[in-house]
């Protein structure tokens, strides 16, 4: 159970910066399409 919890926390910490990068990429594509 401890392993699963630490895994979720690890993925959560990783997903935050990845999500920010995806948002920037989406904005870039949105600007390119206009």
C-alpha atoms as a PDB file:
ATOM      1  CA  UNK A   1       0.000   0.000   0.000  1.00  0.00           C
ATOM      2  CA  UNK A   2       2.840   2.385   0.841  1.00  0.00           C
ATOM      3  CA  UNK A   3       4.403   1.684  -2.559  1.00  0.00           C
ATOM      4  CA  UNK A   4       1.151   2.548  -4.337  1.00  0.00           C
ATOM      5  CA  UNK A   5       0.745   5.794  -2.396  1.00  0.00           C
ATOM      6  CA  UNK A   6       4.313   6.903  -3.119  1.00  0.00           C
ATOM      7  CA  UNK A   7       3.767   6.016  -6.777  1.00  0.00           C
ATOM      8  CA  UNK A   8       0.670   8.226  -6.970  1.00  0.00           C
ATOM      9  CA  UNK A   9       2.498  11.122  -5.309  1.00  0.00           C
ATOM     10  CA  UNK A  10       5.454  10.665  -7.669  1.00  0.00           C
ATOM     11  CA  UNK A  11       3.187  10.674 -10.731  1.00  0.00           C
ATOM     12  CA  UNK A  12       1.312  13.715  -9.392  1.00  0.00           C
ATOM     13  CA  UNK A  13       4.549  15.657  -8.957  1.00  0.00           C
ATOM     14  CA  UNK A  14       5.661  14.656 -12.447  1.00  0.00           C
ATOM     15  CA  UNK A  15       2.326  15.446 -14.082  1.00  0.00           C
ATOM     16  CA  UNK A  16       2.223  19.044 -12.862  1.00  0.00           C
ATOM     17  CA  UNK A  17       5.185  20.369 -14.916  1.00  0.00           C
ATOM     18  CA  UNK A  18       4.135  18.159 -17.837  1.00  0.00           C
ATOM     19  CA  UNK A  19       0.654  19.692 -17.691  1.00  0.00           C
ATOM     20  CA  UNK A  20       2.143  23.174 -17.754  1.00  0.00           C
ATOM     21  CA  UNK A  21       4.200  22.275 -20.819  1.00  0.00           C
ATOM     22  CA  UNK A  22       1.103  20.865 -22.537  1.00  0.00           C
ATOM     23  CA  UNK A  23      -0.807  24.087 -21.831  1.00  0.00           C
ATOM     24  CA  UNK A  24       2.017  26.115 -23.398  1.00  0.00           C
ATOM     25  CA  UNK A  25       2.042  23.830 -26.444  1.00  0.00           C
ATOM     26  CA  UNK A  26      -1.745  24.155 -26.792  1.00  0.00           C
ATOM     27  CA  UNK A  27      -1.453  27.950 -26.660  1.00  0.00           C
ATOM     28  CA  UNK A  28       1.300  27.825 -29.278  1.00  0.00           C
ATOM     29  CA  UNK A  29      -0.824  25.706 -31.618  1.00  0.00           C
ATOM     30  CA  UNK A  30      -3.850  27.943 -31.012  1.00  0.00           C
ATOM     31  CA  UNK A  31      -1.787  30.993 -31.984  1.00  0.00           C
ATOM     32  CA  UNK A  32      -0.390  29.229 -35.060  1.00  0.00           C
ATOM     33  CA  UNK A  33      -3.874  28.247 -36.246  1.00  0.00           C
ATOM     34  CA  UNK A  34      -5.112  31.848 -36.114  1.00  0.00           C
END
